[in-house]
N, C-alpha and C. Protein backbone atom coordinates (compact mmCIF):
# COMPACT_ATOMS: atom_id res chain seq x y z
N UNK A 1 137.40 92.88 82.71
CA UNK A 1 136.58 93.09 81.54
C UNK A 1 137.05 94.37 80.84
N UNK A 2 137.26 94.26 79.58
CA UNK A 2 137.72 95.39 78.78
C UNK A 2 136.57 96.35 78.53
N UNK A 3 136.80 97.65 78.71
CA UNK A 3 135.73 98.63 78.54
C UNK A 3 135.23 98.68 77.10
N UNK A 4 136.09 98.40 76.12
CA UNK A 4 135.67 98.44 74.72
C UNK A 4 134.72 97.30 74.38
N UNK A 5 134.88 96.19 75.07
CA UNK A 5 134.09 95.00 74.76
C UNK A 5 133.21 94.61 75.95
N UNK A 6 132.50 95.56 76.47
CA UNK A 6 131.60 95.32 77.60
C UNK A 6 130.40 94.52 77.09
N UNK A 7 130.27 93.27 77.52
CA UNK A 7 129.20 92.41 77.04
C UNK A 7 128.01 92.39 77.99
N UNK A 8 128.17 92.92 79.19
CA UNK A 8 127.07 92.93 80.15
C UNK A 8 126.19 94.16 79.90
N UNK A 9 124.87 93.93 79.90
CA UNK A 9 123.94 95.04 79.76
C UNK A 9 122.90 94.95 80.86
N UNK A 10 122.25 96.06 81.14
CA UNK A 10 121.22 96.07 82.17
C UNK A 10 119.94 95.46 81.63
N UNK A 11 119.04 95.12 82.54
CA UNK A 11 117.76 94.56 82.12
C UNK A 11 116.96 95.56 81.30
N UNK A 12 117.03 96.83 81.66
CA UNK A 12 116.28 97.83 80.91
C UNK A 12 116.85 98.00 79.50
N UNK A 13 118.17 97.92 79.39
CA UNK A 13 118.80 98.01 78.06
C UNK A 13 118.43 96.79 77.21
N UNK A 14 118.41 95.63 77.82
CA UNK A 14 118.02 94.42 77.10
C UNK A 14 116.57 94.52 76.63
N UNK A 15 115.70 95.05 77.49
CA UNK A 15 114.31 95.23 77.12
C UNK A 15 114.13 96.22 75.99
N UNK A 16 114.89 97.29 76.04
CA UNK A 16 114.83 98.31 74.99
C UNK A 16 115.28 97.72 73.66
N UNK A 17 116.37 97.00 73.70
CA UNK A 17 116.88 96.36 72.47
C UNK A 17 115.88 95.35 71.91
N UNK A 18 115.29 94.56 72.80
CA UNK A 18 114.30 93.58 72.37
C UNK A 18 113.07 94.23 71.77
N UNK A 19 112.63 95.32 72.40
CA UNK A 19 111.47 96.04 71.89
C UNK A 19 111.74 96.65 70.52
N UNK A 20 112.93 97.20 70.35
CA UNK A 20 113.28 97.78 69.05
C UNK A 20 113.40 96.71 67.98
N UNK A 21 113.94 95.55 68.35
CA UNK A 21 114.06 94.45 67.40
C UNK A 21 112.67 93.94 66.99
N UNK A 22 111.77 93.86 67.97
CA UNK A 22 110.40 93.43 67.67
C UNK A 22 109.71 94.45 66.77
N UNK A 23 109.92 95.72 67.05
CA UNK A 23 109.35 96.76 66.21
C UNK A 23 109.85 96.65 64.78
N UNK A 24 111.14 96.41 64.64
CA UNK A 24 111.73 96.28 63.31
C UNK A 24 111.17 95.06 62.57
N UNK A 25 111.03 93.94 63.28
CA UNK A 25 110.57 92.70 62.65
C UNK A 25 109.06 92.64 62.45
N UNK A 26 108.30 93.11 63.43
CA UNK A 26 106.84 92.95 63.41
C UNK A 26 106.10 94.20 62.93
N UNK A 27 106.65 95.37 63.23
CA UNK A 27 106.00 96.61 62.83
C UNK A 27 105.09 97.19 63.90
N UNK A 28 104.63 98.41 63.63
CA UNK A 28 103.78 99.14 64.57
C UNK A 28 102.42 98.48 64.78
N UNK A 29 101.88 97.93 63.75
CA UNK A 29 100.56 97.31 63.85
C UNK A 29 100.55 96.17 64.86
N UNK A 30 101.66 95.46 64.97
CA UNK A 30 101.78 94.36 65.94
C UNK A 30 101.62 94.91 67.36
N UNK A 31 102.29 96.02 67.67
CA UNK A 31 102.20 96.60 69.00
C UNK A 31 100.79 97.12 69.27
N UNK A 32 100.15 97.69 68.26
CA UNK A 32 98.77 98.15 68.42
C UNK A 32 97.85 96.96 68.72
N UNK A 33 98.08 95.85 68.02
CA UNK A 33 97.25 94.66 68.19
C UNK A 33 97.41 94.06 69.58
N UNK A 34 98.65 93.91 70.04
CA UNK A 34 98.85 93.29 71.36
C UNK A 34 98.43 94.24 72.49
N UNK A 35 98.55 95.55 72.26
CA UNK A 35 98.07 96.52 73.25
C UNK A 35 96.56 96.45 73.41
N UNK A 36 95.88 96.36 72.30
CA UNK A 36 94.41 96.27 72.33
C UNK A 36 93.99 94.95 72.98
N UNK A 37 94.69 93.87 72.65
CA UNK A 37 94.40 92.57 73.22
C UNK A 37 94.58 92.60 74.75
N UNK A 38 95.67 93.21 75.21
CA UNK A 38 95.92 93.32 76.65
C UNK A 38 94.90 94.18 77.35
N UNK A 39 94.50 95.28 76.72
CA UNK A 39 93.49 96.15 77.29
C UNK A 39 92.14 95.45 77.42
N UNK A 40 91.79 94.69 76.39
CA UNK A 40 90.52 93.95 76.44
C UNK A 40 90.54 92.90 77.53
N UNK A 41 91.67 92.23 77.69
CA UNK A 41 91.79 91.19 78.72
C UNK A 41 91.71 91.82 80.11
N UNK A 42 92.35 92.96 80.31
CA UNK A 42 92.30 93.65 81.59
C UNK A 42 90.87 94.06 81.91
N UNK A 43 90.17 94.60 80.91
CA UNK A 43 88.78 94.99 81.11
C UNK A 43 87.91 93.78 81.45
N UNK A 44 88.21 92.65 80.83
CA UNK A 44 87.46 91.42 81.09
C UNK A 44 87.69 90.93 82.52
N UNK A 45 88.92 90.96 82.96
CA UNK A 45 89.27 90.46 84.30
C UNK A 45 88.82 91.39 85.42
N UNK A 46 88.90 92.71 85.19
CA UNK A 46 88.66 93.68 86.25
C UNK A 46 87.47 94.59 85.94
N UNK A 47 86.49 94.07 85.23
CA UNK A 47 85.35 94.87 84.82
C UNK A 47 84.66 95.56 86.00
N UNK A 48 84.37 94.79 87.05
CA UNK A 48 83.66 95.36 88.20
C UNK A 48 84.48 96.45 88.88
N UNK A 49 85.75 96.22 89.04
CA UNK A 49 86.62 97.20 89.69
C UNK A 49 86.74 98.47 88.85
N UNK A 50 86.95 98.32 87.55
CA UNK A 50 87.08 99.48 86.68
C UNK A 50 85.77 100.25 86.61
N UNK A 51 84.66 99.53 86.63
CA UNK A 51 83.35 100.16 86.62
C UNK A 51 83.16 101.00 87.89
N UNK A 52 83.59 100.46 89.01
CA UNK A 52 83.49 101.18 90.29
C UNK A 52 84.33 102.45 90.25
N UNK A 53 85.54 102.37 89.71
CA UNK A 53 86.40 103.55 89.59
C UNK A 53 85.74 104.62 88.72
N UNK A 54 85.13 104.18 87.64
CA UNK A 54 84.47 105.11 86.74
C UNK A 54 83.32 105.84 87.41
N UNK A 55 82.57 105.13 88.23
CA UNK A 55 81.45 105.74 88.95
C UNK A 55 81.93 106.74 89.98
N UNK A 56 83.13 106.52 90.51
CA UNK A 56 83.69 107.44 91.50
C UNK A 56 84.35 108.65 90.84
N UNK A 57 84.45 108.64 89.54
CA UNK A 57 85.03 109.80 88.85
C UNK A 57 86.41 109.54 88.29
N UNK A 58 86.79 108.31 88.12
CA UNK A 58 88.08 108.01 87.50
C UNK A 58 88.97 107.19 88.38
N UNK A 59 90.25 107.48 88.28
CA UNK A 59 91.26 106.72 89.00
C UNK A 59 91.15 106.94 90.51
N UNK A 60 91.30 105.88 91.30
CA UNK A 60 91.21 106.04 92.76
C UNK A 60 92.39 106.84 93.29
N UNK A 61 92.15 107.62 94.30
CA UNK A 61 93.25 108.40 94.88
C UNK A 61 93.83 107.65 96.07
N UNK A 62 95.07 107.97 96.36
CA UNK A 62 95.70 107.38 97.54
C UNK A 62 95.20 108.11 98.78
N UNK A 63 95.05 107.41 99.88
CA UNK A 63 94.67 108.09 101.12
C UNK A 63 95.78 109.06 101.55
N UNK A 64 95.38 110.19 102.11
CA UNK A 64 96.34 111.17 102.60
C UNK A 64 97.02 110.64 103.86
N UNK A 65 98.17 111.17 104.17
CA UNK A 65 98.92 110.75 105.35
C UNK A 65 98.07 110.94 106.61
N UNK A 66 97.30 112.01 106.66
CA UNK A 66 96.46 112.26 107.84
C UNK A 66 95.41 111.17 108.02
N UNK A 67 94.94 110.60 106.91
CA UNK A 67 93.96 109.51 107.01
C UNK A 67 94.60 108.26 107.61
N UNK A 68 95.88 108.03 107.31
CA UNK A 68 96.58 106.91 107.92
C UNK A 68 96.77 107.15 109.41
N UNK A 69 97.07 108.39 109.77
CA UNK A 69 97.37 108.73 111.15
C UNK A 69 96.12 108.62 112.03
N UNK A 70 94.94 108.86 111.47
CA UNK A 70 93.71 108.79 112.25
C UNK A 70 93.49 107.38 112.79
N UNK A 71 93.88 106.38 112.05
CA UNK A 71 93.70 105.00 112.47
C UNK A 71 94.60 104.60 113.61
N UNK A 72 95.73 105.29 113.79
CA UNK A 72 96.69 104.95 114.84
C UNK A 72 96.28 105.45 116.21
N UNK A 73 95.38 106.43 116.28
CA UNK A 73 94.96 107.00 117.57
C UNK A 73 94.11 106.04 118.39
N UNK A 74 93.53 105.07 117.76
CA UNK A 74 92.61 104.18 118.46
C UNK A 74 93.31 103.15 119.26
């Protein structure tokens, strides 16, 4: 394969190019619309879980390594 005519691209590069092309064709408002639509759908599907996180003070934290180790002693 000639370095000047490299036709292979990575998945992330393909995604970036596709996103930029969509931005050029559809505009910023399109991305705002689909983002809002996705957020609403997520809230609809995971309402109970998100509500529980909110009551606990926000995003759930990962258990500390020591908490994992306590379970192994038994």
